[in-house]
Amino acid sequence: MEVLERRSAAYHRAAAARARRLLAEATTPWVKEQLAEAMERHDHIAAEIDRASEPDANTASSHGEADAMSSETPGR
């Protein structure tokens, strides 16, 4: 099982930038592919973190959880 560490969006943006710099100097197709995948993965994770930290996302999420909990409560 893979253990996911919590990192900031800034960390993932920096990791994507690092992969971009290395990709510019890479010479073998395999290394280029690996760096391109890492770059895309870190960009995607940073975007997800940014979306999850937006004020509207937190409000909508907490309302959805409260509604789900109330519908699961016996007697309601």
PDB file of N, CA and C in Angstrom:
ATOM      1  N   MET A   1       0.844  -1.175   0.000  1.00  0.00           N
ATOM      2  CA  MET A   1       0.000   0.000   0.000  1.00  0.00           C
ATOM      3  C   MET A   1       0.893   1.243   0.000  1.00  0.00           C
ATOM      4  N   GLU A   2       0.533   2.209  -0.813  1.00  0.00           N
ATOM      5  CA  GLU A   2       1.318   3.438  -0.930  1.00  0.00           C
ATOM      6  C   GLU A   2       0.890   4.426   0.157  1.00  0.00           C
ATOM      7  N   VAL A   3       1.869   4.986   0.814  1.00  0.00           N
ATOM      8  CA  VAL A   3       1.602   5.985   1.843  1.00  0.00           C
ATOM      9  C   VAL A   3       1.743   7.357   1.208  1.00  0.00           C
ATOM     10  N   LEU A   4       0.690   8.149   1.300  1.00  0.00           N
ATOM     11  CA  LEU A   4       0.721   9.488   0.731  1.00  0.00           C
ATOM     12  C   LEU A   4       1.082  10.493   1.808  1.00  0.00           C
ATOM     13  N   GLU A   5       2.053  11.322   1.505  1.00  0.00           N
ATOM     14  CA  GLU A   5       2.425  12.375   2.432  1.00  0.00           C
ATOM     15  C   GLU A   5       1.675  13.637   2.054  1.00  0.00           C
ATOM     16  N   ARG A   6       1.317  14.409   3.052  1.00  0.00           N
ATOM     17  CA  ARG A   6       0.662  15.680   2.785  1.00  0.00           C
ATOM     18  C   ARG A   6       1.727  16.726   2.515  1.00  0.00           C
ATOM     19  N   ARG A   7       1.662  17.293   1.356  1.00  0.00           N
ATOM     20  CA  ARG A   7       2.602  18.333   0.950  1.00  0.00           C
ATOM     21  C   ARG A   7       1.789  19.525   0.456  1.00  0.00           C
ATOM     22  N   SER A   8       2.401  20.687   0.470  1.00  0.00           N
ATOM     23  CA  SER A   8       1.712  21.885   0.023  1.00  0.00           C
ATOM     24  C   SER A   8       1.701  21.960  -1.501  1.00  0.00           C
ATOM     25  N   ALA A   9       0.810  22.810  -2.018  1.00  0.00           N
ATOM     26  CA  ALA A   9       0.767  23.037  -3.462  1.00  0.00           C
ATOM     27  C   ALA A   9       2.085  23.626  -3.930  1.00  0.00           C
ATOM     28  N   ALA A  10       2.699  24.466  -3.106  1.00  0.00           N
ATOM     29  CA  ALA A  10       3.985  25.069  -3.468  1.00  0.00           C
ATOM     30  C   ALA A  10       5.051  23.986  -3.648  1.00  0.00           C
ATOM     31  N   TYR A  11       5.037  22.978  -2.802  1.00  0.00           N
ATOM     32  CA  TYR A  11       5.988  21.870  -2.927  1.00  0.00           C
ATOM     33  C   TYR A  11       5.820  21.189  -4.289  1.00  0.00           C
ATOM     34  N   HIS A  12       4.570  20.915  -4.663  1.00  0.00           N
ATOM     35  CA  HIS A  12       4.312  20.217  -5.922  1.00  0.00           C
ATOM     36  C   HIS A  12       4.618  21.098  -7.130  1.00  0.00           C
ATOM     37  N   ARG A  13       4.359  22.399  -7.024  1.00  0.00           N
ATOM     38  CA  ARG A  13       4.731  23.293  -8.118  1.00  0.00           C
ATOM     39  C   ARG A  13       6.251  23.328  -8.285  1.00  0.00           C
ATOM     40  N   ALA A  14       6.977  23.344  -7.176  1.00  0.00           N
ATOM     41  CA  ALA A  14       8.445  23.344  -7.240  1.00  0.00           C
ATOM     42  C   ALA A  14       8.954  22.030  -7.824  1.00  0.00           C
ATOM     43  N   ALA A  15       8.337  20.922  -7.452  1.00  0.00           N
ATOM     44  CA  ALA A  15       8.752  19.620  -7.989  1.00  0.00           C
ATOM     45  C   ALA A  15       8.489  19.557  -9.495  1.00  0.00           C
ATOM     46  N   ALA A  16       7.359  20.116  -9.947  1.00  0.00           N
ATOM     47  CA  ALA A  16       7.057  20.152 -11.378  1.00  0.00           C
ATOM     48  C   ALA A  16       8.075  21.026 -12.112  1.00  0.00           C
ATOM     49  N   ALA A  17       8.432  22.142 -11.521  1.00  0.00           N
ATOM     50  CA  ALA A  17       9.425  23.036 -12.140  1.00  0.00           C
ATOM     51  C   ALA A  17      10.786  22.347 -12.229  1.00  0.00           C
ATOM     52  N   ARG A  18      11.142  21.615 -11.192  1.00  0.00           N
ATOM     53  CA  ARG A  18      12.407  20.875 -11.182  1.00  0.00           C
ATOM     54  C   ARG A  18      12.402  19.820 -12.302  1.00  0.00           C
ATOM     55  N   ALA A  19      11.277  19.118 -12.450  1.00  0.00           N
ATOM     56  CA  ALA A  19      11.160  18.111 -13.515  1.00  0.00           C
ATOM     57  C   ALA A  19      11.252  18.772 -14.889  1.00  0.00           C
ATOM     58  N   ARG A  20      10.659  19.966 -15.044  1.00  0.00           N
ATOM     59  CA  ARG A  20      10.745  20.693 -16.317  1.00  0.00           C
ATOM     60  C   ARG A  20      12.197  21.043 -16.661  1.00  0.00           C
ATOM     61  N   ARG A  21      12.946  21.516 -15.655  1.00  0.00           N
ATOM     62  CA  ARG A  21      14.353  21.862 -15.887  1.00  0.00           C
ATOM     63  C   ARG A  21      15.157  20.628 -16.297  1.00  0.00           C
ATOM     64  N   LEU A  22      14.925  19.528 -15.602  1.00  0.00           N
ATOM     65  CA  LEU A  22      15.639  18.291 -15.927  1.00  0.00           C
ATOM     66  C   LEU A  22      15.225  17.763 -17.300  1.00  0.00           C
ATOM     67  N   LEU A  23      13.943  17.903 -17.626  1.00  0.00           N
ATOM     68  CA  LEU A  23      13.444  17.442 -18.919  1.00  0.00           C
ATOM     69  C   LEU A  23      14.132  18.179 -20.064  1.00  0.00           C
ATOM     70  N   ALA A  24      14.412  19.448 -19.870  1.00  0.00           N
ATOM     71  CA  ALA A  24      15.074  20.245 -20.912  1.00  0.00           C
ATOM     72  C   ALA A  24      16.473  19.713 -21.212  1.00  0.00           C
ATOM     73  N   GLU A  25      17.083  19.047 -20.251  1.00  0.00           N
ATOM     74  CA  GLU A  25      18.445  18.529 -20.435  1.00  0.00           C
ATOM     75  C   GLU A  25      18.497  17.019 -20.653  1.00  0.00           C
ATOM     76  N   ALA A  26      17.366  16.340 -20.529  1.00  0.00           N
ATOM     77  CA  ALA A  26      17.348  14.882 -20.662  1.00  0.00           C
ATOM     78  C   ALA A  26      17.662  14.471 -22.097  1.00  0.00           C
ATOM     79  N   THR A  27      18.319  13.324 -22.229  1.00  0.00           N
ATOM     80  CA  THR A  27      18.716  12.868 -23.565  1.00  0.00           C
ATOM     81  C   THR A  27      18.066  11.546 -23.963  1.00  0.00           C
ATOM     82  N   THR A  28      17.667  10.717 -23.012  1.00  0.00           N
ATOM     83  CA  THR A  28      17.091   9.420 -23.380  1.00  0.00           C
ATOM     84  C   THR A  28      15.567   9.484 -23.338  1.00  0.00           C
ATOM     85  N   PRO A  29      14.917   8.765 -24.242  1.00  0.00           N
ATOM     86  CA  PRO A  29      13.447   8.776 -24.281  1.00  0.00           C
ATOM     87  C   PRO A  29      12.807   8.336 -22.961  1.00  0.00           C
ATOM     88  N   TRP A  30      13.382   7.316 -22.307  1.00  0.00           N
ATOM     89  CA  TRP A  30      12.801   6.820 -21.065  1.00  0.00           C
ATOM     90  C   TRP A  30      12.835   7.897 -19.983  1.00  0.00           C
ATOM     91  N   VAL A  31      13.973   8.577 -19.834  1.00  0.00           N
ATOM     92  CA  VAL A  31      14.101   9.628 -18.816  1.00  0.00           C
ATOM     93  C   VAL A  31      13.160  10.775 -19.138  1.00  0.00           C
ATOM     94  N   LYS A  32      13.054  11.136 -20.417  1.00  0.00           N
ATOM     95  CA  LYS A  32      12.141  12.205 -20.818  1.00  0.00           C
ATOM     96  C   LYS A  32      10.698  11.854 -20.460  1.00  0.00           C
ATOM     97  N   GLU A  33      10.318  10.600 -20.711  1.00  0.00           N
ATOM     98  CA  GLU A  33       8.964  10.142 -20.394  1.00  0.00           C
ATOM     99  C   GLU A  33       8.708  10.194 -18.885  1.00  0.00           C
ATOM    100  N   GLN A  34       9.662   9.708 -18.104  1.00  0.00           N
ATOM    101  CA  GLN A  34       9.502   9.702 -16.645  1.00  0.00           C
ATOM    102  C   GLN A  34       9.377  11.126 -16.091  1.00  0.00           C
ATOM    103  N   LEU A  35      10.205  12.020 -16.597  1.00  0.00           N
ATOM    104  CA  LEU A  35      10.158  13.413 -16.129  1.00  0.00           C
ATOM    105  C   LEU A  35       8.863  14.092 -16.553  1.00  0.00           C
ATOM    106  N   ALA A  36       8.400  13.824 -17.766  1.00  0.00           N
ATOM    107  CA  ALA A  36       7.140  14.408 -18.236  1.00  0.00           C
ATOM    108  C   ALA A  36       5.976  13.922 -17.373  1.00  0.00           C
ATOM    109  N   GLU A  37       5.976  12.635 -17.025  1.00  0.00           N
ATOM    110  CA  GLU A  37       4.923  12.092 -16.159  1.00  0.00           C
ATOM    111  C   GLU A  37       4.987  12.701 -14.764  1.00  0.00           C
ATOM    112  N   ALA A  38       6.183  12.866 -14.223  1.00  0.00           N
ATOM    113  CA  ALA A  38       6.334  13.472 -12.895  1.00  0.00           C
ATOM    114  C   ALA A  38       5.851  14.914 -12.921  1.00  0.00           C
ATOM    115  N   MET A  39       6.194  15.625 -13.981  1.00  0.00           N
ATOM    116  CA  MET A  39       5.782  17.018 -14.119  1.00  0.00           C
ATOM    117  C   MET A  39       4.254  17.122 -14.157  1.00  0.00           C
ATOM    118  N   GLU A  40       3.618  16.298 -14.965  1.00  0.00           N
ATOM    119  CA  GLU A  40       2.154  16.304 -15.059  1.00  0.00           C
ATOM    120  C   GLU A  40       1.513  15.929 -13.732  1.00  0.00           C
ATOM    121  N   ARG A  41       2.072  14.913 -13.076  1.00  0.00           N
ATOM    122  CA  ARG A  41       1.513  14.452 -11.795  1.00  0.00           C
ATOM    123  C   ARG A  41       1.599  15.557 -10.741  1.00  0.00           C
ATOM    124  N   HIS A  42       2.748  16.210 -10.628  1.00  0.00           N
ATOM    125  CA  HIS A  42       2.902  17.275  -9.632  1.00  0.00           C
ATOM    126  C   HIS A  42       2.027  18.485  -9.961  1.00  0.00           C
ATOM    127  N   ASP A  43       1.911  18.838 -11.243  1.00  0.00           N
ATOM    128  CA  ASP A  43       1.024  19.945 -11.630  1.00  0.00           C
ATOM    129  C   ASP A  43      -0.426  19.623 -11.263  1.00  0.00           C
ATOM    130  N   HIS A  44      -0.826  18.383 -11.519  1.00  0.00           N
ATOM    131  CA  HIS A  44      -2.195  17.955 -11.211  1.00  0.00           C
ATOM    132  C   HIS A  44      -2.458  17.999  -9.699  1.00  0.00           C
ATOM    133  N   ILE A  45      -1.534  17.480  -8.925  1.00  0.00           N
ATOM    134  CA  ILE A  45      -1.694  17.476  -7.467  1.00  0.00           C
ATOM    135  C   ILE A  45      -1.760  18.900  -6.931  1.00  0.00           C
ATOM    136  N   ALA A  46      -0.898  19.790  -7.433  1.00  0.00           N
ATOM    137  CA  ALA A  46      -0.918  21.186  -6.989  1.00  0.00           C
ATOM    138  C   ALA A  46      -2.262  21.830  -7.302  1.00  0.00           C
ATOM    139  N   ALA A  47      -2.800  21.556  -8.485  1.00  0.00           N
ATOM    140  CA  ALA A  47      -4.103  22.114  -8.861  1.00  0.00           C
ATOM    141  C   ALA A  47      -5.209  21.574  -7.955  1.00  0.00           C
ATOM    142  N   GLU A  48      -5.150  20.283  -7.633  1.00  0.00           N
ATOM    143  CA  GLU A  48      -6.147  19.688  -6.731  1.00  0.00           C
ATOM    144  C   GLU A  48      -6.071  20.318  -5.340  1.00  0.00           C
ATOM    145  N   ILE A  49      -4.877  20.521  -4.844  1.00  0.00           N
ATOM    146  CA  ILE A  49      -4.705  21.145  -3.528  1.00  0.00           C
ATOM    147  C   ILE A  49      -5.259  22.565  -3.554  1.00  0.00           C
ATOM    148  N   ASP A  50      -4.957  23.304  -4.624  1.00  0.00           N
ATOM    149  CA  ASP A  50      -5.474  24.667  -4.749  1.00  0.00           C
ATOM    150  C   ASP A  50      -7.002  24.672  -4.756  1.00  0.00           C
ATOM    151  N   ARG A  51      -7.613  23.763  -5.525  1.00  0.00           N
ATOM    152  CA  ARG A  51      -9.081  23.692  -5.579  1.00  0.00           C
ATOM    153  C   ARG A  51      -9.664  23.339  -4.211  1.00  0.00           C
ATOM    154  N   ALA A  52      -9.027  22.408  -3.526  1.00  0.00           N
ATOM    155  CA  ALA A  52      -9.536  21.979  -2.213  1.00  0.00           C
ATOM    156  C   ALA A  52      -9.383  23.066  -1.167  1.00  0.00           C
ATOM    157  N   SER A  53      -8.423  23.975  -1.356  1.00  0.00           N
ATOM    158  CA  SER A  53      -8.220  25.017  -0.358  1.00  0.00           C
ATOM    159  C   SER A  53      -8.990  26.293  -0.640  1.00  0.00           C
ATOM    160  N   GLU A  54      -9.726  26.332  -1.741  1.00  0.00           N
ATOM    161  CA  GLU A  54     -10.537  27.514  -2.022  1.00  0.00           C
ATOM    162  C   GLU A  54     -11.670  27.589  -1.001  1.00  0.00           C
ATOM    163  N   PRO A  55     -12.026  28.808  -0.562  1.00  0.00           N
ATOM    164  CA  PRO A  55     -13.079  28.950   0.448  1.00  0.00           C
ATOM    165  C   PRO A  55     -14.394  28.306   0.034  1.00  0.00           C
ATOM    166  N   ASP A  56     -14.796  28.413  -1.224  1.00  0.00           N
ATOM    167  CA  ASP A  56     -16.055  27.829  -1.677  1.00  0.00           C
ATOM    168  C   ASP A  56     -16.022  26.312  -1.615  1.00  0.00           C
ATOM    169  N   ALA A  57     -14.868  25.720  -1.906  1.00  0.00           N
ATOM    170  CA  ALA A  57     -14.751  24.262  -1.883  1.00  0.00           C
ATOM    171  C   ALA A  57     -14.944  23.733  -0.465  1.00  0.00           C
ATOM    172  N   ASN A  58     -14.359  24.406   0.535  1.00  0.00           N
ATOM    173  CA  ASN A  58     -14.498  23.960   1.921  1.00  0.00           C
ATOM    174  C   ASN A  58     -15.932  24.102   2.400  1.00  0.00           C
ATOM    175  N   THR A  59     -16.600  25.184   2.040  1.00  0.00           N
ATOM    176  CA  THR A  59     -17.979  25.397   2.460  1.00  0.00           C
ATOM    177  C   THR A  59     -18.892  24.348   1.848  1.00  0.00           C
ATOM    178  N   ALA A  60     -18.750  24.117   0.558  1.00  0.00           N
ATOM    179  CA  ALA A  60     -19.587  23.129  -0.118  1.00  0.00           C
ATOM    180  C   ALA A  60     -19.332  21.740   0.449  1.00  0.00           C
ATOM    181  N   SER A  61     -18.090  21.431   0.723  1.00  0.00           N
ATOM    182  CA  SER A  61     -17.737  20.126   1.255  1.00  0.00           C
ATOM    183  C   SER A  61     -18.351  19.915   2.632  1.00  0.00           C
ATOM    184  N   SER A  62     -18.253  20.922   3.499  1.00  0.00           N
ATOM    185  CA  SER A  62     -18.780  20.751   4.848  1.00  0.00           C
ATOM    186  C   SER A  62     -20.306  20.662   4.835  1.00  0.00           C
ATOM    187  N   HIS A  63     -20.962  21.385   3.931  1.00  0.00           N
ATOM    188  CA  HIS A  63     -22.419  21.279   3.834  1.00  0.00           C
ATOM    189  C   HIS A  63     -22.815  19.898   3.333  1.00  0.00           C
ATOM    190  N   GLY A  64     -22.103  19.394   2.366  1.00  0.00           N
ATOM    191  CA  GLY A  64     -22.395  18.067   1.825  1.00  0.00           C
ATOM    192  C   GLY A  64     -22.222  16.991   2.871  1.00  0.00           C
ATOM    193  N   GLU A  65     -21.197  17.099   3.700  1.00  0.00           N
ATOM    194  CA  GLU A  65     -20.975  16.120   4.754  1.00  0.00           C
ATOM    195  C   GLU A  65     -22.074  16.195   5.796  1.00  0.00           C
ATOM    196  N   ALA A  66     -22.508  17.407   6.150  1.00  0.00           N
ATOM    197  CA  ALA A  66     -23.578  17.555   7.142  1.00  0.00           C
ATOM    198  C   ALA A  66     -24.872  16.969   6.604  1.00  0.00           C
ATOM    199  N   ASP A  67     -25.177  17.218   5.324  1.00  0.00           N
ATOM    200  CA  ASP A  67     -26.395  16.665   4.727  1.00  0.00           C
ATOM    201  C   ASP A  67     -26.327  15.137   4.688  1.00  0.00           C
ATOM    202  N   ALA A  68     -25.159  14.599   4.349  1.00  0.00           N
ATOM    203  CA  ALA A  68     -25.012  13.144   4.306  1.00  0.00           C
ATOM    204  C   ALA A  68     -25.176  12.542   5.677  1.00  0.00           C
ATOM    205  N   MET A  69     -24.633  13.192   6.693  1.00  0.00           N
ATOM    206  CA  MET A  69     -24.738  12.676   8.058  1.00  0.00           C
ATOM    207  C   MET A  69     -26.177  12.730   8.544  1.00  0.00           C
ATOM    208  N   SER A  70     -26.900  13.793   8.241  1.00  0.00           N
ATOM    209  CA  SER A  70     -28.277  13.897   8.717  1.00  0.00           C
ATOM    210  C   SER A  70     -29.176  12.873   8.032  1.00  0.00           C
ATOM    211  N   SER A  71     -28.857  12.528   6.773  1.00  0.00           N
ATOM    212  CA  SER A  71     -29.691  11.538   6.078  1.00  0.00           C
ATOM    213  C   SER A  71     -29.398  10.129   6.603  1.00  0.00           C
ATOM    214  N   GLU A  72     -28.236   9.919   7.216  1.00  0.00           N
ATOM    215  CA  GLU A  72     -27.894   8.611   7.745  1.00  0.00           C
ATOM    216  C   GLU A  72     -28.307   8.450   9.194  1.00  0.00           C
ATOM    217  N   THR A  73     -28.712   9.546   9.830  1.00  0.00           N
ATOM    218  CA  THR A  73     -29.086   9.494  11.230  1.00  0.00           C
ATOM    219  C   THR A  73     -30.435   8.788  11.371  1.00  0.00           C
ATOM    220  N   PRO A  74     -30.512   7.750  12.216  1.00  0.00           N
ATOM    221  CA  PRO A  74     -31.786   7.038  12.412  1.00  0.00           C
ATOM    222  C   PRO A  74     -32.850   7.981  12.969  1.00  0.00           C
ATOM    223  N   GLY A  75     -34.072   7.782  12.507  1.00  0.00           N
ATOM    224  CA  GLY A  75     -35.185   8.566  13.006  1.00  0.00           C
ATOM    225  C   GLY A  75     -35.402   9.862  12.253  1.00  0.00           C
ATOM    226  N   ARG A  76     -34.657  10.098  11.217  1.00  0.00           N
ATOM    227  CA  ARG A  76     -34.861  11.333  10.425  1.00  0.00           C
ATOM    228  C   ARG A  76     -35.393  11.011   9.076  1.00  0.00           C
TER     229      ARG A  76
END
